[in-house]
Amino acid sequence: LVDFANACVVELFRASRFDELIFEKFNIGFFHITFREIEKLLSPIIELRIKSAIKHLKLIPLKSDEFVQIATATFKLFLTIKETFTLRDKLPKQLVDQIDLFNTHRVFKALVMHWLTLTAQKAKNRIDRALSLDKVESLSDSVKHSSSAVDTASLLQQMVVTWKQLDWPEPELAYSFLIQLTNHICGSAKHYADRVHDHLRRNAYYDDEGQFDVTEQLCISIYNVEYVRSTLQMLPVELNWESTLNALERLPGVGQSRTALRTVLRSTDEDFDNNIAIIVQKI
């Protein structure tokens, strides 16, 4: 279905170009007709397939290969359909209001939580892999961190990109998704910090009753955790909290939305403080 949708979108953009180059001069609505016909063909198929996917995802384990495949494919389909939104300005307003394709996000909304969960699962798996392939890098003559910290920060940024791609139009749902994604990003960052801490314990850099052996690895571990934590400080800007919150606050009966988001970030920051404090106190 993704390939079919891609082919349809390509044809729509091609029709738009032909319309501008040829048909528009003769006042022939070639693009309007093409869009309407393709939309009539594509929208019912998408709705049918997505409803089927939603039902099936409820029956399979979250970490199964089948779950990953379905969630990935439906997200690609969503992004493909979103490309048509850029063509709205080329259609008469009265026609835009009749195009089901421009409201397809309503069909996909039950899948968004699955997409965000999958994003978090992939991030944690890749963080584990990054840690297994760790190499030390120099930030400066006095500050070093390892490749896993850079990779983890990059993975967190990829989760931010997912949010920007989603660009959900409905304020209340957008806020719910934003809370979940912020939790996932913070959870992935904490996963990294916990794994670093576990690595120190497993390799006998310290025990609960003794002290750390002060080595370069201990300092690098602290730099790593701090480096990853620094990426979280930019989340309100990177995820554009203000845009979502402002849209939400224009609705009646909404409160405490800002507090909830800040609490997620503050809680994670405190976890990082505790993690680092354990290391420092035992040196």
C-alpha atoms as a PDB file:
ATOM      1  CA  LEU A   1       0.000   0.000   0.000  1.00  0.00           C
ATOM      2  CA  VAL A   2       2.897   2.375   0.745  1.00  0.00           C
ATOM      3  CA  ASP A   3       4.249   1.899  -2.783  1.00  0.00           C
ATOM      4  CA  PHE A   4       0.795   2.432  -4.263  1.00  0.00           C
ATOM      5  CA  ALA A   5       0.286   5.600  -2.210  1.00  0.00           C
ATOM      6  CA  ASN A   6       3.713   6.870  -3.262  1.00  0.00           C
ATOM      7  CA  ALA A   7       2.821   6.312  -6.902  1.00  0.00           C
ATOM      8  CA  CYS A   8      -0.448   8.209  -6.433  1.00  0.00           C
ATOM      9  CA  VAL A   9       1.316  11.135  -4.760  1.00  0.00           C
ATOM     10  CA  VAL A  10       3.875  11.270  -7.567  1.00  0.00           C
ATOM     11  CA  GLU A  11       1.038  11.440 -10.087  1.00  0.00           C
ATOM     12  CA  LEU A  12      -0.607  14.267  -8.153  1.00  0.00           C
ATOM     13  CA  PHE A  13       2.550  16.362  -8.189  1.00  0.00           C
ATOM     14  CA  ARG A  14       3.022  15.583 -11.885  1.00  0.00           C
ATOM     15  CA  ALA A  15      -0.553  16.646 -12.582  1.00  0.00           C
ATOM     16  CA  SER A  16       0.090  19.879 -10.701  1.00  0.00           C
ATOM     17  CA  ARG A  17       3.074  20.670 -12.908  1.00  0.00           C
ATOM     18  CA  PHE A  18       1.182  19.826 -16.113  1.00  0.00           C
ATOM     19  CA  ASP A  19      -1.693  21.998 -14.951  1.00  0.00           C
ATOM     20  CA  GLU A  20       0.624  24.974 -14.488  1.00  0.00           C
ATOM     21  CA  LEU A  21       2.448  24.436 -17.787  1.00  0.00           C
ATOM     22  CA  ILE A  22      -0.443  23.567 -20.121  1.00  0.00           C
ATOM     23  CA  PHE A  23      -4.013  23.250 -18.895  1.00  0.00           C
ATOM     24  CA  GLU A  24      -4.205  26.340 -16.719  1.00  0.00           C
ATOM     25  CA  LYS A  25      -3.705  28.516 -19.815  1.00  0.00           C
ATOM     26  CA  PHE A  26      -6.888  27.092 -21.285  1.00  0.00           C
ATOM     27  CA  ASN A  27      -8.822  27.285 -18.016  1.00  0.00           C
ATOM     28  CA  ILE A  28      -9.068  23.481 -17.803  1.00  0.00           C
ATOM     29  CA  GLY A  29      -9.050  22.112 -14.246  1.00  0.00           C
ATOM     30  CA  PHE A  30      -6.864  19.115 -15.051  1.00  0.00           C
ATOM     31  CA  PHE A  31      -5.236  19.063 -11.629  1.00  0.00           C
ATOM     32  CA  HIS A  32      -8.546  19.397  -9.781  1.00  0.00           C
ATOM     33  CA  ILE A  33     -10.045  16.493 -11.716  1.00  0.00           C
ATOM     34  CA  THR A  34      -6.947  14.319 -11.278  1.00  0.00           C
ATOM     35  CA  PHE A  35      -6.756  15.007  -7.563  1.00  0.00           C
ATOM     36  CA  ARG A  36     -10.419  14.204  -7.029  1.00  0.00           C
ATOM     37  CA  GLU A  37     -10.219  10.926  -8.946  1.00  0.00           C
ATOM     38  CA  ILE A  38      -7.053   9.733  -7.205  1.00  0.00           C
ATOM     39  CA  GLU A  39      -8.451  10.746  -3.838  1.00  0.00           C
ATOM     40  CA  LYS A  40     -11.636   8.742  -4.462  1.00  0.00           C
ATOM     41  CA  LEU A  41      -9.484   5.725  -5.257  1.00  0.00           C
ATOM     42  CA  LEU A  42      -6.954   6.064  -2.449  1.00  0.00           C
ATOM     43  CA  SER A  43      -8.907   7.238   0.614  1.00  0.00           C
ATOM     44  CA  PRO A  44     -11.230   4.192   1.012  1.00  0.00           C
ATOM     45  CA  ILE A  45      -8.302   1.784   0.644  1.00  0.00           C
ATOM     46  CA  ILE A  46      -6.271   3.624   3.281  1.00  0.00           C
ATOM     47  CA  GLU A  47      -9.160   3.708   5.735  1.00  0.00           C
ATOM     48  CA  LEU A  48      -9.839  -0.015   5.277  1.00  0.00           C
ATOM     49  CA  ARG A  49      -6.200  -1.061   5.624  1.00  0.00           C
ATOM     50  CA  ILE A  50      -5.487   1.172   8.618  1.00  0.00           C
ATOM     51  CA  LYS A  51      -8.534  -0.067  10.523  1.00  0.00           C
ATOM     52  CA  SER A  52      -7.364  -3.611   9.848  1.00  0.00           C
ATOM     53  CA  ALA A  53      -3.824  -2.762  11.035  1.00  0.00           C
ATOM     54  CA  ILE A  54      -5.136  -1.195  14.255  1.00  0.00           C
ATOM     55  CA  LYS A  55      -7.124  -4.338  15.088  1.00  0.00           C
ATOM     56  CA  HIS A  56      -4.169  -6.590  14.322  1.00  0.00           C
ATOM     57  CA  LEU A  57      -1.684  -4.609  16.410  1.00  0.00           C
ATOM     58  CA  LYS A  58      -3.847  -5.212  19.471  1.00  0.00           C
ATOM     59  CA  LEU A  59      -3.292  -8.951  19.078  1.00  0.00           C
ATOM     60  CA  ILE A  60       0.499  -9.106  18.760  1.00  0.00           C
ATOM     61  CA  PRO A  61       3.363  -8.410  21.224  1.00  0.00           C
ATOM     62  CA  LEU A  62       4.822  -4.899  21.189  1.00  0.00           C
ATOM     63  CA  LYS A  63       8.369  -6.126  20.631  1.00  0.00           C
ATOM     64  CA  SER A  64       7.593  -8.677  17.920  1.00  0.00           C
ATOM     65  CA  ASP A  65       8.993  -8.301  14.417  1.00  0.00           C
ATOM     66  CA  GLU A  66       5.466  -8.190  13.043  1.00  0.00           C
ATOM     67  CA  PHE A  67       4.590  -5.235  15.292  1.00  0.00           C
ATOM     68  CA  VAL A  68       7.688  -3.376  14.129  1.00  0.00           C
ATOM     69  CA  GLN A  69       6.905  -4.039  10.468  1.00  0.00           C
ATOM     70  CA  ILE A  70       3.273  -2.905  10.690  1.00  0.00           C
ATOM     71  CA  ALA A  71       4.021   0.180  12.791  1.00  0.00           C
ATOM     72  CA  THR A  72       6.877   1.198  10.493  1.00  0.00           C
ATOM     73  CA  ALA A  73       4.834   0.689   7.318  1.00  0.00           C
ATOM     74  CA  THR A  74       1.818   2.634   8.613  1.00  0.00           C
ATOM     75  CA  PHE A  75       4.017   5.552   9.678  1.00  0.00           C
ATOM     76  CA  LYS A  76       5.607   5.648   6.215  1.00  0.00           C
ATOM     77  CA  LEU A  77       2.114   5.648   4.725  1.00  0.00           C
ATOM     78  CA  PHE A  78       1.095   8.533   6.987  1.00  0.00           C
ATOM     79  CA  LEU A  79       4.119  10.594   5.896  1.00  0.00           C
ATOM     80  CA  THR A  80       3.396   9.818   2.247  1.00  0.00           C
ATOM     81  CA  ILE A  81      -0.199  11.042   2.535  1.00  0.00           C
ATOM     82  CA  LYS A  82       0.981  14.161   4.371  1.00  0.00           C
ATOM     83  CA  GLU A  83       2.919  15.182   1.262  1.00  0.00           C
ATOM     84  CA  THR A  84      -0.389  15.909  -0.457  1.00  0.00           C
ATOM     85  CA  PHE A  85      -1.140  18.642   2.092  1.00  0.00           C
ATOM     86  CA  THR A  86       1.269  20.961   0.283  1.00  0.00           C
ATOM     87  CA  LEU A  87      -1.063  20.827  -2.728  1.00  0.00           C
ATOM     88  CA  ARG A  88      -4.101  22.225  -0.898  1.00  0.00           C
ATOM     89  CA  ASP A  89      -3.371  25.781  -2.030  1.00  0.00           C
ATOM     90  CA  LYS A  90      -3.702  24.673  -5.648  1.00  0.00           C
ATOM     91  CA  LEU A  91      -7.285  23.523  -5.145  1.00  0.00           C
ATOM     92  CA  PRO A  92     -10.464  25.614  -4.819  1.00  0.00           C
ATOM     93  CA  LYS A  93     -11.478  26.013  -1.168  1.00  0.00           C
ATOM     94  CA  GLN A  94     -14.842  24.380  -1.731  1.00  0.00           C
ATOM     95  CA  LEU A  95     -13.064  21.313  -3.103  1.00  0.00           C
ATOM     96  CA  VAL A  96     -10.515  21.193  -0.263  1.00  0.00           C
ATOM     97  CA  ASP A  97     -13.354  20.834   2.222  1.00  0.00           C
ATOM     98  CA  GLN A  98     -14.578  17.756   0.347  1.00  0.00           C
ATOM     99  CA  ILE A  99     -11.223  15.943   0.181  1.00  0.00           C
ATOM    100  CA  ASP A 100     -11.122  13.080   2.694  1.00  0.00           C
ATOM    101  CA  LEU A 101      -7.382  12.693   2.119  1.00  0.00           C
ATOM    102  CA  PHE A 102      -6.743  15.964   3.988  1.00  0.00           C
ATOM    103  CA  ASN A 103      -8.433  14.511   7.074  1.00  0.00           C
ATOM    104  CA  THR A 104      -6.668  11.158   6.937  1.00  0.00           C
ATOM    105  CA  HIS A 105      -4.882  11.865  10.223  1.00  0.00           C
ATOM    106  CA  ARG A 106      -8.146  10.979  11.974  1.00  0.00           C
ATOM    107  CA  VAL A 107      -7.863   7.455  10.607  1.00  0.00           C
ATOM    108  CA  PHE A 108      -4.244   7.181  11.767  1.00  0.00           C
ATOM    109  CA  LYS A 109      -4.657   8.659  15.266  1.00  0.00           C
ATOM    110  CA  ALA A 110      -5.073   5.280  16.986  1.00  0.00           C
ATOM    111  CA  LEU A 111      -1.648   4.320  15.605  1.00  0.00           C
ATOM    112  CA  VAL A 112       0.318   7.295  16.914  1.00  0.00           C
ATOM    113  CA  MET A 113       0.905   5.811  20.377  1.00  0.00           C
ATOM    114  CA  HIS A 114       2.223   2.665  18.678  1.00  0.00           C
ATOM    115  CA  TRP A 115       4.580   4.751  16.516  1.00  0.00           C
ATOM    116  CA  LEU A 116       5.954   6.601  19.531  1.00  0.00           C
ATOM    117  CA  THR A 117       6.381   3.357  21.476  1.00  0.00           C
ATOM    118  CA  LEU A 118       8.249   1.854  18.527  1.00  0.00           C
ATOM    119  CA  THR A 119      10.488   4.931  18.340  1.00  0.00           C
ATOM    120  CA  ALA A 120      11.418   4.465  22.007  1.00  0.00           C
ATOM    121  CA  GLN A 121      12.038   0.735  21.556  1.00  0.00           C
ATOM    122  CA  LYS A 122      14.373   1.353  18.630  1.00  0.00           C
ATOM    123  CA  ALA A 123      16.221   4.087  20.522  1.00  0.00           C
ATOM    124  CA  LYS A 124      16.898   1.856  23.537  1.00  0.00           C
ATOM    125  CA  ASN A 125      18.067  -1.027  21.337  1.00  0.00           C
ATOM    126  CA  ARG A 126      20.432   1.282  19.478  1.00  0.00           C
ATOM    127  CA  ILE A 127      21.686   2.803  22.727  1.00  0.00           C
ATOM    128  CA  ASP A 128      22.579  -0.705  23.918  1.00  0.00           C
ATOM    129  CA  ARG A 129      24.418  -1.324  20.658  1.00  0.00           C
ATOM    130  CA  ALA A 130      26.221   2.024  20.871  1.00  0.00           C
ATOM    131  CA  LEU A 131      27.435   1.136  24.374  1.00  0.00           C
ATOM    132  CA  SER A 132      28.713  -2.223  23.158  1.00  0.00           C
ATOM    133  CA  LEU A 133      30.807  -0.459  20.491  1.00  0.00           C
ATOM    134  CA  ASP A 134      31.976   2.413  22.703  1.00  0.00           C
ATOM    135  CA  LYS A 135      35.101   4.392  21.781  1.00  0.00           C
ATOM    136  CA  VAL A 136      36.639   7.329  23.621  1.00  0.00           C
ATOM    137  CA  GLU A 137      36.606  10.718  21.868  1.00  0.00           C
ATOM    138  CA  SER A 138      38.080  14.069  22.928  1.00  0.00           C
ATOM    139  CA  LEU A 139      35.932  17.146  23.346  1.00  0.00           C
ATOM    140  CA  SER A 140      39.028  19.142  24.316  1.00  0.00           C
ATOM    141  CA  ASP A 141      42.402  18.529  25.948  1.00  0.00           C
ATOM    142  CA  SER A 142      40.708  18.319  29.343  1.00  0.00           C
ATOM    143  CA  VAL A 143      37.297  16.847  28.507  1.00  0.00           C
ATOM    144  CA  LYS A 144      36.662  13.437  26.983  1.00  0.00           C
ATOM    145  CA  HIS A 145      33.543  11.432  26.348  1.00  0.00           C
ATOM    146  CA  SER A 146      32.835   8.285  24.382  1.00  0.00           C
ATOM    147  CA  SER A 147      31.086   7.596  21.083  1.00  0.00           C
ATOM    148  CA  SER A 148      28.062   6.125  22.864  1.00  0.00           C
ATOM    149  CA  ALA A 149      27.194   9.547  24.317  1.00  0.00           C
ATOM    150  CA  VAL A 150      27.287  11.135  20.852  1.00  0.00           C
ATOM    151  CA  ASP A 151      25.244   8.291  19.378  1.00  0.00           C
ATOM    152  CA  THR A 152      22.676   8.514  22.173  1.00  0.00           C
ATOM    153  CA  ALA A 153      22.288  12.278  21.726  1.00  0.00           C
ATOM    154  CA  SER A 154      21.788  11.657  17.997  1.00  0.00           C
ATOM    155  CA  LEU A 155      19.121   9.015  18.706  1.00  0.00           C
ATOM    156  CA  LEU A 156      17.261  11.426  20.977  1.00  0.00           C
ATOM    157  CA  GLN A 157      17.381  13.983  18.186  1.00  0.00           C
ATOM    158  CA  GLN A 158      15.872  11.433  15.791  1.00  0.00           C
ATOM    159  CA  MET A 159      12.935  11.106  18.191  1.00  0.00           C
ATOM    160  CA  VAL A 160      12.516  14.883  17.980  1.00  0.00           C
ATOM    161  CA  VAL A 161      12.444  14.572  14.172  1.00  0.00           C
ATOM    162  CA  THR A 162       9.607  12.041  14.514  1.00  0.00           C
ATOM    163  CA  TRP A 163       7.599  14.670  16.408  1.00  0.00           C
ATOM    164  CA  LYS A 164       8.209  17.271  13.704  1.00  0.00           C
ATOM    165  CA  GLN A 165       7.144  14.791  11.034  1.00  0.00           C
ATOM    166  CA  LEU A 166       3.985  13.989  12.979  1.00  0.00           C
ATOM    167  CA  ASP A 167       2.934  17.664  13.220  1.00  0.00           C
ATOM    168  CA  TRP A 168      -0.458  16.713  14.641  1.00  0.00           C
ATOM    169  CA  PRO A 169      -3.174  19.327  13.910  1.00  0.00           C
ATOM    170  CA  GLU A 170      -5.550  18.661  16.839  1.00  0.00           C
ATOM    171  CA  PRO A 171      -4.335  20.446  20.038  1.00  0.00           C
ATOM    172  CA  GLU A 172      -5.653  18.008  22.662  1.00  0.00           C
ATOM    173  CA  LEU A 173      -4.322  14.925  20.923  1.00  0.00           C
ATOM    174  CA  ALA A 174      -1.093  16.722  20.036  1.00  0.00           C
ATOM    175  CA  TYR A 175      -0.551  17.442  23.727  1.00  0.00           C
ATOM    176  CA  SER A 176      -1.185  13.802  24.687  1.00  0.00           C
ATOM    177  CA  PHE A 177       1.319  12.681  22.060  1.00  0.00           C
ATOM    178  CA  LEU A 178       3.806  15.327  23.201  1.00  0.00           C
ATOM    179  CA  ILE A 179       3.618  14.102  26.797  1.00  0.00           C
ATOM    180  CA  GLN A 180       4.199  10.531  25.662  1.00  0.00           C
ATOM    181  CA  LEU A 181       7.108  11.394  23.386  1.00  0.00           C
ATOM    182  CA  THR A 182       8.745  13.583  26.059  1.00  0.00           C
ATOM    183  CA  ASN A 183       8.450  10.640  28.456  1.00  0.00           C
ATOM    184  CA  HIS A 184       9.987   8.324  25.862  1.00  0.00           C
ATOM    185  CA  ILE A 185      12.890  10.678  25.146  1.00  0.00           C
ATOM    186  CA  CYS A 186      13.583  11.177  28.838  1.00  0.00           C
ATOM    187  CA  GLY A 187      13.213   7.441  29.428  1.00  0.00           C
ATOM    188  CA  SER A 188      15.712   6.665  26.672  1.00  0.00           C
ATOM    189  CA  ALA A 189      18.201   9.159  28.112  1.00  0.00           C
ATOM    190  CA  LYS A 190      17.777   7.627  31.572  1.00  0.00           C
ATOM    191  CA  HIS A 191      18.240   4.178  30.040  1.00  0.00           C
ATOM    192  CA  TYR A 192      21.646   5.322  28.819  1.00  0.00           C
ATOM    193  CA  ALA A 193      22.628   6.753  32.230  1.00  0.00           C
ATOM    194  CA  ASP A 194      21.521   3.575  33.996  1.00  0.00           C
ATOM    195  CA  ARG A 195      23.468   1.393  31.581  1.00  0.00           C
ATOM    196  CA  VAL A 196      26.619   3.463  32.111  1.00  0.00           C
ATOM    197  CA  HIS A 197      26.179   3.120  35.865  1.00  0.00           C
ATOM    198  CA  ASP A 198      25.593  -0.647  35.586  1.00  0.00           C
ATOM    199  CA  HIS A 199      28.735  -0.968  33.470  1.00  0.00           C
ATOM    200  CA  LEU A 200      30.814   0.626  36.233  1.00  0.00           C
ATOM    201  CA  ARG A 201      29.347  -1.694  38.830  1.00  0.00           C
ATOM    202  CA  ARG A 202      29.757  -4.850  36.722  1.00  0.00           C
ATOM    203  CA  ASN A 203      33.383  -4.022  35.973  1.00  0.00           C
ATOM    204  CA  ALA A 204      34.205  -3.481  39.649  1.00  0.00           C
ATOM    205  CA  TYR A 205      34.954   0.213  39.433  1.00  0.00           C
ATOM    206  CA  TYR A 206      33.158   0.367  42.761  1.00  0.00           C
ATOM    207  CA  ASP A 207      30.940  -1.651  45.021  1.00  0.00           C
ATOM    208  CA  ASP A 208      28.191  -0.545  47.331  1.00  0.00           C
ATOM    209  CA  GLU A 209      30.465  -0.662  50.372  1.00  0.00           C
ATOM    210  CA  GLY A 210      33.738   0.387  48.828  1.00  0.00           C
ATOM    211  CA  GLN A 211      34.990   3.287  46.769  1.00  0.00           C
ATOM    212  CA  PHE A 212      35.653   3.904  43.138  1.00  0.00           C
ATOM    213  CA  ASP A 213      39.056   3.329  41.683  1.00  0.00           C
ATOM    214  CA  VAL A 214      39.685   6.783  40.260  1.00  0.00           C
ATOM    215  CA  THR A 215      40.458   6.162  36.610  1.00  0.00           C
ATOM    216  CA  GLU A 216      40.015   7.951  33.330  1.00  0.00           C
ATOM    217  CA  GLN A 217      37.000   5.722  32.634  1.00  0.00           C
ATOM    218  CA  LEU A 218      35.160   7.123  35.636  1.00  0.00           C
ATOM    219  CA  CYS A 219      35.667  10.693  34.477  1.00  0.00           C
ATOM    220  CA  ILE A 220      34.595   9.786  30.948  1.00  0.00           C
ATOM    221  CA  SER A 221      31.452   8.149  32.339  1.00  0.00           C
ATOM    222  CA  ILE A 222      30.513  11.357  34.140  1.00  0.00           C
ATOM    223  CA  TYR A 223      31.153  13.400  30.990  1.00  0.00           C
ATOM    224  CA  ASN A 224      29.018  10.935  29.012  1.00  0.00           C
ATOM    225  CA  VAL A 225      26.047  11.245  31.349  1.00  0.00           C
ATOM    226  CA  GLU A 226      26.342  15.035  31.424  1.00  0.00           C
ATOM    227  CA  TYR A 227      26.609  15.178  27.634  1.00  0.00           C
ATOM    228  CA  VAL A 228      23.372  13.213  27.204  1.00  0.00           C
ATOM    229  CA  ARG A 229      21.635  15.238  29.899  1.00  0.00           C
ATOM    230  CA  SER A 230      22.548  18.470  28.086  1.00  0.00           C
ATOM    231  CA  THR A 231      20.502  17.340  25.081  1.00  0.00           C
ATOM    232  CA  LEU A 232      17.395  17.143  27.276  1.00  0.00           C
ATOM    233  CA  GLN A 233      17.688  20.786  28.253  1.00  0.00           C
ATOM    234  CA  MET A 234      16.806  21.776  24.688  1.00  0.00           C
ATOM    235  CA  LEU A 235      13.669  19.629  24.513  1.00  0.00           C
ATOM    236  CA  PRO A 236      11.182  22.471  25.173  1.00  0.00           C
ATOM    237  CA  VAL A 237      12.612  24.303  22.162  1.00  0.00           C
ATOM    238  CA  GLU A 238      13.284  21.285  19.951  1.00  0.00           C
ATOM    239  CA  LEU A 239       9.771  19.891  20.491  1.00  0.00           C
ATOM    240  CA  ASN A 240       8.255  23.378  20.300  1.00  0.00           C
ATOM    241  CA  TRP A 241       6.328  22.990  23.527  1.00  0.00           C
ATOM    242  CA  GLU A 242       5.025  26.541  23.335  1.00  0.00           C
ATOM    243  CA  SER A 243       3.218  25.998  20.051  1.00  0.00           C
ATOM    244  CA  THR A 244       1.353  22.951  21.358  1.00  0.00           C
ATOM    245  CA  LEU A 245       0.650  24.498  24.757  1.00  0.00           C
ATOM    246  CA  ASN A 246      -0.601  27.774  23.307  1.00  0.00           C
ATOM    247  CA  ALA A 247      -2.977  25.929  20.973  1.00  0.00           C
ATOM    248  CA  LEU A 248      -4.193  23.795  23.862  1.00  0.00           C
ATOM    249  CA  GLU A 249      -4.731  26.731  26.218  1.00  0.00           C
ATOM    250  CA  ARG A 250      -7.045  28.374  23.734  1.00  0.00           C
ATOM    251  CA  LEU A 251      -9.486  25.532  24.396  1.00  0.00           C
ATOM    252  CA  PRO A 252     -11.910  25.753  27.347  1.00  0.00           C
ATOM    253  CA  GLY A 253     -11.372  23.753  30.521  1.00  0.00           C
ATOM    254  CA  VAL A 254      -7.663  23.033  30.045  1.00  0.00           C
ATOM    255  CA  GLY A 255      -5.241  23.464  32.921  1.00  0.00           C
ATOM    256  CA  GLN A 256      -1.927  22.229  34.353  1.00  0.00           C
ATOM    257  CA  SER A 257      -0.623  21.345  30.892  1.00  0.00           C
ATOM    258  CA  ARG A 258       2.665  23.190  31.355  1.00  0.00           C
ATOM    259  CA  THR A 259       3.211  21.727  34.808  1.00  0.00           C
ATOM    260  CA  ALA A 260       2.888  18.155  33.549  1.00  0.00           C
ATOM    261  CA  LEU A 261       5.546  18.604  30.864  1.00  0.00           C
ATOM    262  CA  ARG A 262       7.960  20.385  33.166  1.00  0.00           C
ATOM    263  CA  THR A 263       7.510  17.662  35.774  1.00  0.00           C
ATOM    264  CA  VAL A 264       8.625  14.986  33.293  1.00  0.00           C
ATOM    265  CA  LEU A 265      11.792  16.909  32.454  1.00  0.00           C
ATOM    266  CA  ARG A 266      12.546  17.874  36.075  1.00  0.00           C
ATOM    267  CA  SER A 267      12.109  14.285  37.266  1.00  0.00           C
ATOM    268  CA  THR A 268      14.566  13.016  34.657  1.00  0.00           C
ATOM    269  CA  ASP A 269      17.054  15.746  35.546  1.00  0.00           C
ATOM    270  CA  GLU A 270      16.879  14.684  39.186  1.00  0.00           C
ATOM    271  CA  ASP A 271      17.525  11.075  38.162  1.00  0.00           C
ATOM    272  CA  PHE A 272      20.650  12.218  36.327  1.00  0.00           C
ATOM    273  CA  ASP A 273      21.763  14.207  39.382  1.00  0.00           C
ATOM    274  CA  ASN A 274      21.360  11.137  41.567  1.00  0.00           C
ATOM    275  CA  ASN A 275      23.230   8.963  39.097  1.00  0.00           C
ATOM    276  CA  ILE A 276      26.190  11.319  38.950  1.00  0.00           C
ATOM    277  CA  ALA A 277      26.133  11.931  42.714  1.00  0.00           C
ATOM    278  CA  ILE A 278      26.535   8.199  43.384  1.00  0.00           C
ATOM    279  CA  ILE A 279      29.684   8.173  41.296  1.00  0.00           C
ATOM    280  CA  VAL A 280      31.142  11.359  42.723  1.00  0.00           C
ATOM    281  CA  GLN A 281      30.413  10.531  46.367  1.00  0.00           C
ATOM    282  CA  LYS A 282      32.334   7.284  46.148  1.00  0.00           C
ATOM    283  CA  ILE A 283      35.459   8.717  44.525  1.00  0.00           C
END
